[in-house]
Amino acid sequence: MTVNQFVRIIAGFFIMASLALAHFNGQVDMSKLSWLWFTAFVGANLFQSGFTKFCPLDTILKKLGVKESTGNSCA
C-alpha cells in the first residue's frame, strides 16, 4: 500500500468515526435525513478508495483534463 492509500483510509475512517461518535453521544441524529449523510458518503468513499484505488472524483477530474500530481502531497 502507498502513503496516498493510507491517507485516504485513515481520513475516511476518522470522518465516519466522528459522525458515529456524535450520533451515539446524542449530539447528532443520523436516523433523520440531513446534510450529515453527505459527510458520511465522503468519508465512506475516502475509506473505500484507499483499498480499491477507485475514486469517482478522480475519474471525473481526469476526464476534465486535470493533471495528476507528481510531487508529495496529502491525499
PDB file of N, CA and C in Angstrom:
ATOM      1  N   MET A   1       0.839  -1.188   0.000  1.00  0.00           N
ATOM      2  CA  MET A   1       0.000   0.000   0.000  1.00  0.00           C
ATOM      3  C   MET A   1       0.879   1.246   0.000  1.00  0.00           C
ATOM      4  N   THR A   2       0.356   2.273  -0.621  1.00  0.00           N
ATOM      5  CA  THR A   2       1.098   3.529  -0.699  1.00  0.00           C
ATOM      6  C   THR A   2       0.662   4.490   0.409  1.00  0.00           C
ATOM      7  N   VAL A   3       1.459   5.534   0.589  1.00  0.00           N
ATOM      8  CA  VAL A   3       1.124   6.563   1.568  1.00  0.00           C
ATOM      9  C   VAL A   3      -0.229   7.183   1.225  1.00  0.00           C
ATOM     10  N   ASN A   4      -0.469   7.429  -0.056  1.00  0.00           N
ATOM     11  CA  ASN A   4      -1.730   8.025  -0.503  1.00  0.00           C
ATOM     12  C   ASN A   4      -2.917   7.153  -0.097  1.00  0.00           C
ATOM     13  N   GLN A   5      -2.777   5.850  -0.233  1.00  0.00           N
ATOM     14  CA  GLN A   5      -3.857   4.941   0.146  1.00  0.00           C
ATOM     15  C   GLN A   5      -4.097   4.984   1.649  1.00  0.00           C
ATOM     16  N   PHE A   6      -3.018   4.984   2.431  1.00  0.00           N
ATOM     17  CA  PHE A   6      -3.170   5.053   3.880  1.00  0.00           C
ATOM     18  C   PHE A   6      -3.820   6.359   4.311  1.00  0.00           C
ATOM     19  N   VAL A   7      -3.456   7.464   3.664  1.00  0.00           N
ATOM     20  CA  VAL A   7      -4.051   8.764   3.993  1.00  0.00           C
ATOM     21  C   VAL A   7      -5.551   8.724   3.740  1.00  0.00           C
ATOM     22  N   ARG A   8      -5.965   8.159   2.610  1.00  0.00           N
ATOM     23  CA  ARG A   8      -7.393   8.069   2.293  1.00  0.00           C
ATOM     24  C   ARG A   8      -8.135   7.190   3.284  1.00  0.00           C
ATOM     25  N   ILE A   9      -7.546   6.058   3.628  1.00  0.00           N
ATOM     26  CA  ILE A   9      -8.184   5.129   4.569  1.00  0.00           C
ATOM     27  C   ILE A   9      -8.340   5.782   5.939  1.00  0.00           C
ATOM     28  N   ILE A  10      -7.274   6.384   6.433  1.00  0.00           N
ATOM     29  CA  ILE A  10      -7.306   6.984   7.763  1.00  0.00           C
ATOM     30  C   ILE A  10      -8.248   8.186   7.794  1.00  0.00           C
ATOM     31  N   ALA A  11      -8.199   9.040   6.772  1.00  0.00           N
ATOM     32  CA  ALA A  11      -9.081  10.207   6.722  1.00  0.00           C
ATOM     33  C   ALA A  11     -10.543   9.776   6.670  1.00  0.00           C
ATOM     34  N   GLY A  12     -10.859   8.803   5.832  1.00  0.00           N
ATOM     35  CA  GLY A  12     -12.228   8.301   5.739  1.00  0.00           C
ATOM     36  C   GLY A  12     -12.702   7.691   7.044  1.00  0.00           C
ATOM     37  N   PHE A  13     -11.807   6.941   7.691  1.00  0.00           N
ATOM     38  CA  PHE A  13     -12.156   6.331   8.976  1.00  0.00           C
ATOM     39  C   PHE A  13     -12.472   7.395  10.023  1.00  0.00           C
ATOM     40  N   PHE A  14     -11.646   8.441  10.094  1.00  0.00           N
ATOM     41  CA  PHE A  14     -11.871   9.479  11.099  1.00  0.00           C
ATOM     42  C   PHE A  14     -13.154  10.267  10.839  1.00  0.00           C
ATOM     43  N   ILE A  15     -13.488  10.490   9.587  1.00  0.00           N
ATOM     44  CA  ILE A  15     -14.747  11.170   9.274  1.00  0.00           C
ATOM     45  C   ILE A  15     -15.931  10.325   9.733  1.00  0.00           C
ATOM     46  N   MET A  16     -15.913   9.048   9.378  1.00  0.00           N
ATOM     47  CA  MET A  16     -17.020   8.170   9.766  1.00  0.00           C
ATOM     48  C   MET A  16     -17.060   7.951  11.274  1.00  0.00           C
ATOM     49  N   ALA A  17     -15.900   7.837  11.919  1.00  0.00           N
ATOM     50  CA  ALA A  17     -15.848   7.647  13.365  1.00  0.00           C
ATOM     51  C   ALA A  17     -16.398   8.866  14.106  1.00  0.00           C
ATOM     52  N   SER A  18     -16.063  10.065  13.631  1.00  0.00           N
ATOM     53  CA  SER A  18     -16.553  11.272  14.300  1.00  0.00           C
ATOM     54  C   SER A  18     -18.073  11.387  14.171  1.00  0.00           C
ATOM     55  N   LEU A  19     -18.617  11.015  13.018  1.00  0.00           N
ATOM     56  CA  LEU A  19     -20.079  11.015  12.856  1.00  0.00           C
ATOM     57  C   LEU A  19     -20.731   9.978  13.770  1.00  0.00           C
ATOM     58  N   ALA A  20     -20.135   8.797  13.841  1.00  0.00           N
ATOM     59  CA  ALA A  20     -20.689   7.736  14.691  1.00  0.00           C
ATOM     60  C   ALA A  20     -20.628   8.138  16.167  1.00  0.00           C
ATOM     61  N   LEU A  21     -19.515   8.699  16.603  1.00  0.00           N
ATOM     62  CA  LEU A  21     -19.388   9.132  17.995  1.00  0.00           C
ATOM     63  C   LEU A  21     -20.394  10.233  18.331  1.00  0.00           C
ATOM     64  N   ALA A  22     -20.569  11.173  17.436  1.00  0.00           N
ATOM     65  CA  ALA A  22     -21.537  12.249  17.660  1.00  0.00           C
ATOM     66  C   ALA A  22     -22.955  11.683  17.713  1.00  0.00           C
ATOM     67  N   HIS A  23     -23.246  10.719  16.853  1.00  0.00           N
ATOM     68  CA  HIS A  23     -24.581  10.108  16.835  1.00  0.00           C
ATOM     69  C   HIS A  23     -24.851   9.341  18.138  1.00  0.00           C
ATOM     70  N   PHE A  24     -23.912   8.492  18.540  1.00  0.00           N
ATOM     71  CA  PHE A  24     -24.130   7.664  19.722  1.00  0.00           C
ATOM     72  C   PHE A  24     -24.022   8.464  21.019  1.00  0.00           C
ATOM     73  N   ASN A  25     -23.433   9.651  20.945  1.00  0.00           N
ATOM     74  CA  ASN A  25     -23.348  10.536  22.098  1.00  0.00           C
ATOM     75  C   ASN A  25     -24.586  11.427  22.204  1.00  0.00           C
ATOM     76  N   GLY A  26     -25.470  11.350  21.210  1.00  0.00           N
ATOM     77  CA  GLY A  26     -26.701  12.109  21.230  1.00  0.00           C
ATOM     78  C   GLY A  26     -26.575  13.527  20.677  1.00  0.00           C
ATOM     79  N   GLN A  27     -25.450  13.857  20.093  1.00  0.00           N
ATOM     80  CA  GLN A  27     -25.248  15.204  19.561  1.00  0.00           C
ATOM     81  C   GLN A  27     -25.796  15.353  18.149  1.00  0.00           C
ATOM     82  N   VAL A  28     -25.908  14.239  17.437  1.00  0.00           N
ATOM     83  CA  VAL A  28     -26.362  14.244  16.047  1.00  0.00           C
ATOM     84  C   VAL A  28     -27.349  13.097  15.871  1.00  0.00           C
ATOM     85  N   ASP A  29     -28.441  13.339  15.156  1.00  0.00           N
ATOM     86  CA  ASP A  29     -29.416  12.282  14.887  1.00  0.00           C
ATOM     87  C   ASP A  29     -29.268  11.833  13.436  1.00  0.00           C
ATOM     88  N   MET A  30     -28.492  10.772  13.233  1.00  0.00           N
ATOM     89  CA  MET A  30     -28.246  10.272  11.881  1.00  0.00           C
ATOM     90  C   MET A  30     -29.416   9.438  11.354  1.00  0.00           C
ATOM     91  N   SER A  31     -30.455   9.243  12.180  1.00  0.00           N
ATOM     92  CA  SER A  31     -31.613   8.493  11.696  1.00  0.00           C
ATOM     93  C   SER A  31     -32.526   9.369  10.845  1.00  0.00           C
ATOM     94  N   LYS A  32     -32.286  10.680  10.858  1.00  0.00           N
ATOM     95  CA  LYS A  32     -33.068  11.603  10.039  1.00  0.00           C
ATOM     96  C   LYS A  32     -32.235  12.049   8.842  1.00  0.00           C
ATOM     97  N   LEU A  33     -32.924  12.339   7.760  1.00  0.00           N
ATOM     98  CA  LEU A  33     -32.244  12.811   6.561  1.00  0.00           C
ATOM     99  C   LEU A  33     -31.641  14.195   6.827  1.00  0.00           C
ATOM    100  N   SER A  34     -30.343  14.322   6.594  1.00  0.00           N
ATOM    101  CA  SER A  34     -29.683  15.604   6.820  1.00  0.00           C
ATOM    102  C   SER A  34     -28.444  15.688   5.931  1.00  0.00           C
ATOM    103  N   TRP A  35     -27.814  16.852   5.944  1.00  0.00           N
ATOM    104  CA  TRP A  35     -26.583  17.051   5.171  1.00  0.00           C
ATOM    105  C   TRP A  35     -25.430  16.233   5.730  1.00  0.00           C
ATOM    106  N   LEU A  36     -25.564  15.723   6.941  1.00  0.00           N
ATOM    107  CA  LEU A  36     -24.501  14.897   7.509  1.00  0.00           C
ATOM    108  C   LEU A  36     -24.343  13.578   6.757  1.00  0.00           C
ATOM    109  N   TRP A  37     -25.398  13.156   6.071  1.00  0.00           N
ATOM    110  CA  TRP A  37     -25.276  11.947   5.256  1.00  0.00           C
ATOM    111  C   TRP A  37     -24.320  12.184   4.087  1.00  0.00           C
ATOM    112  N   PHE A  38     -24.227  13.423   3.617  1.00  0.00           N
ATOM    113  CA  PHE A  38     -23.246  13.763   2.582  1.00  0.00           C
ATOM    114  C   PHE A  38     -21.838  13.593   3.143  1.00  0.00           C
ATOM    115  N   THR A  39     -21.631  14.032   4.376  1.00  0.00           N
ATOM    116  CA  THR A  39     -20.343  13.852   5.044  1.00  0.00           C
ATOM    117  C   THR A  39     -20.027  12.372   5.204  1.00  0.00           C
ATOM    118  N   ALA A  40     -21.028  11.585   5.570  1.00  0.00           N
ATOM    119  CA  ALA A  40     -20.839  10.136   5.703  1.00  0.00           C
ATOM    120  C   ALA A  40     -20.451   9.514   4.362  1.00  0.00           C
ATOM    121  N   PHE A  41     -21.079   9.956   3.276  1.00  0.00           N
ATOM    122  CA  PHE A  41     -20.743   9.451   1.944  1.00  0.00           C
ATOM    123  C   PHE A  41     -19.295   9.774   1.593  1.00  0.00           C
ATOM    124  N   VAL A  42     -18.855  11.002   1.868  1.00  0.00           N
ATOM    125  CA  VAL A  42     -17.478  11.391   1.563  1.00  0.00           C
ATOM    126  C   VAL A  42     -16.497  10.540   2.371  1.00  0.00           C
ATOM    127  N   GLY A  43     -16.796  10.347   3.647  1.00  0.00           N
ATOM    128  CA  GLY A  43     -15.924   9.520   4.477  1.00  0.00           C
ATOM    129  C   GLY A  43     -15.855   8.083   3.998  1.00  0.00           C
ATOM    130  N   ALA A  44     -17.001   7.518   3.652  1.00  0.00           N
ATOM    131  CA  ALA A  44     -17.038   6.141   3.159  1.00  0.00           C
ATOM    132  C   ALA A  44     -16.309   6.016   1.830  1.00  0.00           C
ATOM    133  N   ASN A  45     -16.462   7.026   0.963  1.00  0.00           N
ATOM    134  CA  ASN A  45     -15.791   6.997  -0.327  1.00  0.00           C
ATOM    135  C   ASN A  45     -14.273   7.089  -0.149  1.00  0.00           C
ATOM    136  N   LEU A  46     -13.820   7.955   0.741  1.00  0.00           N
ATOM    137  CA  LEU A  46     -12.386   8.050   1.031  1.00  0.00           C
ATOM    138  C   LEU A  46     -11.858   6.710   1.528  1.00  0.00           C
ATOM    139  N   PHE A  47     -12.580   6.120   2.461  1.00  0.00           N
ATOM    140  CA  PHE A  47     -12.174   4.857   3.057  1.00  0.00           C
ATOM    141  C   PHE A  47     -12.060   3.755   2.005  1.00  0.00           C
ATOM    142  N   GLN A  48     -13.108   3.592   1.198  1.00  0.00           N
ATOM    143  CA  GLN A  48     -13.080   2.516   0.196  1.00  0.00           C
ATOM    144  C   GLN A  48     -12.060   2.784  -0.893  1.00  0.00           C
ATOM    145  N   SER A  49     -11.845   4.058  -1.261  1.00  0.00           N
ATOM    146  CA  SER A  49     -10.887   4.342  -2.334  1.00  0.00           C
ATOM    147  C   SER A  49      -9.465   4.030  -1.911  1.00  0.00           C
ATOM    148  N   GLY A  50      -9.197   4.047  -0.600  1.00  0.00           N
ATOM    149  CA  GLY A  50      -7.880   3.648  -0.120  1.00  0.00           C
ATOM    150  C   GLY A  50      -7.595   2.181  -0.381  1.00  0.00           C
ATOM    151  N   PHE A  51      -8.638   1.356  -0.349  1.00  0.00           N
ATOM    152  CA  PHE A  51      -8.482  -0.075  -0.593  1.00  0.00           C
ATOM    153  C   PHE A  51      -8.608  -0.431  -2.077  1.00  0.00           C
ATOM    154  N   THR A  52      -9.565   0.187  -2.763  1.00  0.00           N
ATOM    155  CA  THR A  52      -9.857  -0.214  -4.137  1.00  0.00           C
ATOM    156  C   THR A  52      -9.165   0.623  -5.199  1.00  0.00           C
ATOM    157  N   LYS A  53      -8.616   1.768  -4.800  1.00  0.00           N
ATOM    158  CA  LYS A  53      -7.984   2.726  -5.722  1.00  0.00           C
ATOM    159  C   LYS A  53      -8.989   3.303  -6.722  1.00  0.00           C
ATOM    160  N   PHE A  54     -10.290   3.186  -6.443  1.00  0.00           N
ATOM    161  CA  PHE A  54     -11.316   3.766  -7.296  1.00  0.00           C
ATOM    162  C   PHE A  54     -11.957   4.948  -6.582  1.00  0.00           C
ATOM    163  N   CYS A  55     -11.897   6.105  -7.208  1.00  0.00           N
ATOM    164  CA  CYS A  55     -12.496   7.310  -6.647  1.00  0.00           C
ATOM    165  C   CYS A  55     -13.250   8.021  -7.768  1.00  0.00           C
ATOM    166  N   PRO A  56     -14.569   8.172  -7.647  1.00  0.00           N
ATOM    167  CA  PRO A  56     -15.340   8.823  -8.707  1.00  0.00           C
ATOM    168  C   PRO A  56     -14.846  10.230  -9.045  1.00  0.00           C
ATOM    169  N   LEU A  57     -14.484  11.019  -8.037  1.00  0.00           N
ATOM    170  CA  LEU A  57     -13.992  12.375  -8.297  1.00  0.00           C
ATOM    171  C   LEU A  57     -12.688  12.334  -9.078  1.00  0.00           C
ATOM    172  N   ASP A  58     -11.822  11.382  -8.775  1.00  0.00           N
ATOM    173  CA  ASP A  58     -10.575  11.192  -9.516  1.00  0.00           C
ATOM    174  C   ASP A  58     -10.869  10.998 -11.009  1.00  0.00           C
ATOM    175  N   THR A  59     -11.825  10.132 -11.300  1.00  0.00           N
ATOM    176  CA  THR A  59     -12.207   9.837 -12.682  1.00  0.00           C
ATOM    177  C   THR A  59     -12.769  11.078 -13.373  1.00  0.00           C
ATOM    178  N   ILE A  60     -13.641  11.789 -12.692  1.00  0.00           N
ATOM    179  CA  ILE A  60     -14.255  12.997 -13.265  1.00  0.00           C
ATOM    180  C   ILE A  60     -13.192  14.053 -13.575  1.00  0.00           C
ATOM    181  N   LEU A  61     -12.293  14.299 -12.610  1.00  0.00           N
ATOM    182  CA  LEU A  61     -11.254  15.317 -12.814  1.00  0.00           C
ATOM    183  C   LEU A  61     -10.315  14.955 -13.960  1.00  0.00           C
ATOM    184  N   LYS A  62      -9.962  13.682 -14.084  1.00  0.00           N
ATOM    185  CA  LYS A  62      -9.101  13.249 -15.188  1.00  0.00           C
ATOM    186  C   LYS A  62      -9.790  13.479 -16.534  1.00  0.00           C
ATOM    187  N   LYS A  63     -11.103  13.205 -16.604  1.00  0.00           N
ATOM    188  CA  LYS A  63     -11.849  13.426 -17.845  1.00  0.00           C
ATOM    189  C   LYS A  63     -11.953  14.908 -18.185  1.00  0.00           C
ATOM    190  N   LEU A  64     -11.905  15.760 -17.156  1.00  0.00           N
ATOM    191  CA  LEU A  64     -11.939  17.205 -17.376  1.00  0.00           C
ATOM    192  C   LEU A  64     -10.564  17.779 -17.731  1.00  0.00           C
ATOM    193  N   GLY A  65      -9.543  16.918 -17.726  1.00  0.00           N
ATOM    194  CA  GLY A  65      -8.214  17.346 -18.136  1.00  0.00           C
ATOM    195  C   GLY A  65      -7.302  17.817 -17.021  1.00  0.00           C
ATOM    196  N   VAL A  66      -7.658  17.584 -15.779  1.00  0.00           N
ATOM    197  CA  VAL A  66      -6.807  17.971 -14.667  1.00  0.00           C
ATOM    198  C   VAL A  66      -5.633  17.003 -14.599  1.00  0.00           C
ATOM    199  N   LYS A  67      -4.420  17.554 -14.477  1.00  0.00           N
ATOM    200  CA  LYS A  67      -3.225  16.722 -14.453  1.00  0.00           C
ATOM    201  C   LYS A  67      -3.014  16.129 -13.078  1.00  0.00           C
ATOM    202  N   GLU A  68      -2.385  14.938 -13.061  1.00  0.00           N
ATOM    203  CA  GLU A  68      -2.090  14.270 -11.809  1.00  0.00           C
ATOM    204  C   GLU A  68      -0.839  14.869 -11.179  1.00  0.00           C
ATOM    205  N   SER A  69      -0.796  14.838  -9.862  1.00  0.00           N
ATOM    206  CA  SER A  69       0.349  15.359  -9.131  1.00  0.00           C
ATOM    207  C   SER A  69       1.520  14.408  -9.248  1.00  0.00           C
ATOM    208  N   THR A  70       2.723  14.953  -9.365  1.00  0.00           N
ATOM    209  CA  THR A  70       3.914  14.122  -9.403  1.00  0.00           C
ATOM    210  C   THR A  70       4.735  14.285  -8.144  1.00  0.00           C
ATOM    211  N   GLY A  71       4.401  15.285  -7.322  1.00  0.00           N
ATOM    212  CA  GLY A  71       5.135  15.540  -6.090  1.00  0.00           C
ATOM    213  C   GLY A  71       4.455  14.926  -4.896  1.00  0.00           C
ATOM    214  N   ASN A  72       5.034  15.170  -3.735  1.00  0.00           N
ATOM    215  CA  ASN A  72       4.440  14.673  -2.488  1.00  0.00           C
ATOM    216  C   ASN A  72       3.325  15.615  -2.073  1.00  0.00           C
ATOM    217  N   SER A  73       2.167  15.051  -1.824  1.00  0.00           N
ATOM    218  CA  SER A  73       1.033  15.839  -1.352  1.00  0.00           C
ATOM    219  C   SER A  73       0.167  14.970  -0.457  1.00  0.00           C
ATOM    220  N   CYS A  74      -0.684  15.613   0.297  1.00  0.00           N
ATOM    221  CA  CYS A  74      -1.593  14.897   1.195  1.00  0.00           C
ATOM    222  C   CYS A  74      -2.906  14.624   0.469  1.00  0.00           C
ATOM    223  N   ALA A  75      -3.198  13.339   0.246  1.00  0.00           N
ATOM    224  CA  ALA A  75      -4.418  12.861  -0.421  1.00  0.00           C
ATOM    225  C   ALA A  75      -4.583  13.543  -1.721  1.00  0.00           C
TER     226      ALA A  75
END
